[in-house]
């Protein structure tokens, strides 16, 4: 598999929430997982596996934070890849369209 290929992910409710939280971040501004947990009101046991799947399928990239972080390990920061952002926007728009078609808002 090409390292840049973006594979599909299953759009569970939790995955949709994580994607939405990542999408509200400006490009180039990564977010740490616990911030996603708090803003999406999801447990870390839900968010971390979703981020791992998104990373594995090349939707997001991740890196450890730079700089000083006394008394704690560096945070893992996540942000969309360019292709991952396009895929997320497309997947969420397609989902909204399907829901509208069946009368769900």
Protein backbone atom coordinates (compact mmCIF):
# COMPACT_ATOMS: atom_id res chain seq x y z
CA UNK A 1 0.00 0.00 0.00
CA UNK A 2 1.16 3.49 -0.81
CA UNK A 3 2.02 5.37 2.40
CA UNK A 4 -0.06 8.33 1.23
CA UNK A 5 -3.22 6.39 0.35
CA UNK A 6 -6.23 7.36 2.45
CA UNK A 7 -8.41 4.37 3.27
CA UNK A 8 -12.06 4.53 4.26
CA UNK A 9 -13.15 4.47 7.89
CA UNK A 10 -16.47 3.43 9.38
CA UNK A 11 -18.42 6.54 10.38
CA UNK A 12 -19.72 5.69 13.82
CA UNK A 13 -21.28 8.46 15.92
CA UNK A 14 -18.08 8.73 17.93
CA UNK A 15 -15.91 8.85 14.79
CA UNK A 16 -18.11 11.60 13.37
CA UNK A 17 -17.67 13.63 16.57
CA UNK A 18 -13.89 13.21 16.44
CA UNK A 19 -13.81 14.23 12.76
CA UNK A 20 -15.92 17.30 13.50
CA UNK A 21 -13.61 18.33 16.35
CA UNK A 22 -10.58 17.93 14.11
CA UNK A 23 -12.26 19.88 11.29
CA UNK A 24 -12.90 22.96 13.39
CA UNK A 25 -9.14 23.32 13.90
CA UNK A 26 -7.37 25.51 11.35
CA UNK A 27 -5.04 23.63 9.02
CA UNK A 28 -1.62 23.30 10.56
CA UNK A 29 -2.93 23.67 14.13
CA UNK A 30 -2.77 20.23 15.76
CA UNK A 31 -4.89 19.18 18.72
CA UNK A 32 -4.12 16.77 21.52
CA UNK A 33 -6.40 13.82 22.14
CA UNK A 34 -7.57 14.80 25.60
CA UNK A 35 -8.83 18.11 24.21
CA UNK A 36 -10.91 16.12 21.69
CA UNK A 37 -12.22 13.94 24.54
CA UNK A 38 -13.33 16.98 26.50
CA UNK A 39 -14.88 18.92 23.63
CA UNK A 40 -16.67 15.88 22.16
CA UNK A 41 -17.68 14.56 25.61
CA UNK A 42 -16.15 11.17 24.83
CA UNK A 43 -13.99 8.91 26.96
CA UNK A 44 -10.30 8.47 26.13
CA UNK A 45 -11.02 4.75 25.64
CA UNK A 46 -13.20 5.79 22.70
CA UNK A 47 -11.14 8.64 21.25
CA UNK A 48 -7.66 7.09 21.27
CA UNK A 49 -8.66 4.01 19.23
CA UNK A 50 -10.46 6.25 16.72
CA UNK A 51 -7.36 8.43 16.36
CA UNK A 52 -5.23 5.29 15.95
CA UNK A 53 -7.51 4.07 13.13
CA UNK A 54 -7.50 7.49 11.47
CA UNK A 55 -3.70 7.55 11.70
CA UNK A 56 -3.37 4.01 10.39
CA UNK A 57 -5.58 4.90 7.40
CA UNK A 58 -3.69 8.16 6.74
CA UNK A 59 -6.49 10.57 7.62
CA UNK A 60 -4.38 12.18 10.36
CA UNK A 61 -0.74 12.62 11.19
CA UNK A 62 0.59 12.74 14.72
CA UNK A 63 3.67 13.97 16.52
CA UNK A 64 4.85 14.59 20.06
CA UNK A 65 4.67 18.19 21.21
CA UNK A 66 7.86 20.23 21.22
CA UNK A 67 9.33 22.22 24.04
CA UNK A 68 9.34 21.87 27.77
CA UNK A 69 6.71 19.83 29.60
CA UNK A 70 7.94 19.49 33.17
CA UNK A 71 6.39 16.75 35.23
CA UNK A 72 4.57 15.04 32.36
CA UNK A 73 5.35 13.27 29.12
CA UNK A 74 4.92 15.17 25.84
CA UNK A 75 1.39 15.25 24.47
CA UNK A 76 0.64 13.46 21.23
CA UNK A 77 -0.74 16.01 18.75
CA UNK A 78 -3.01 15.13 15.83
CA UNK A 79 -4.02 16.94 12.67
CA UNK A 80 -5.52 16.01 9.33
CA UNK A 81 -3.35 15.16 6.40
CA UNK A 82 -4.37 17.16 3.32
CA UNK A 83 -6.01 14.09 1.80
CA UNK A 84 -7.54 13.15 5.15
CA UNK A 85 -9.18 16.57 5.53
CA UNK A 86 -10.68 16.27 2.02
CA UNK A 87 -11.87 12.74 2.78
CA UNK A 88 -13.44 13.82 6.09
CA UNK A 89 -15.27 16.78 4.54
CA UNK A 90 -16.51 14.60 1.69
CA UNK A 91 -17.62 11.76 3.99
CA UNK A 92 -19.50 14.10 6.34
CA UNK A 93 -21.19 15.94 3.47
CA UNK A 94 -22.23 12.63 1.87
CA UNK A 95 -23.62 11.47 5.20
CA UNK A 96 -25.60 14.70 5.68
CA UNK A 97 -27.00 14.36 2.17
CA UNK A 98 -28.09 10.75 2.76
CA UNK A 99 -29.75 11.70 6.06
CA UNK A 100 -31.58 14.58 4.36
CA UNK A 101 -32.75 12.23 1.62
CA UNK A 102 -34.43 9.98 4.18
CA UNK A 103 -35.89 12.87 6.15
CA UNK A 104 -33.46 12.91 9.08
CA UNK A 105 -31.88 16.22 10.07
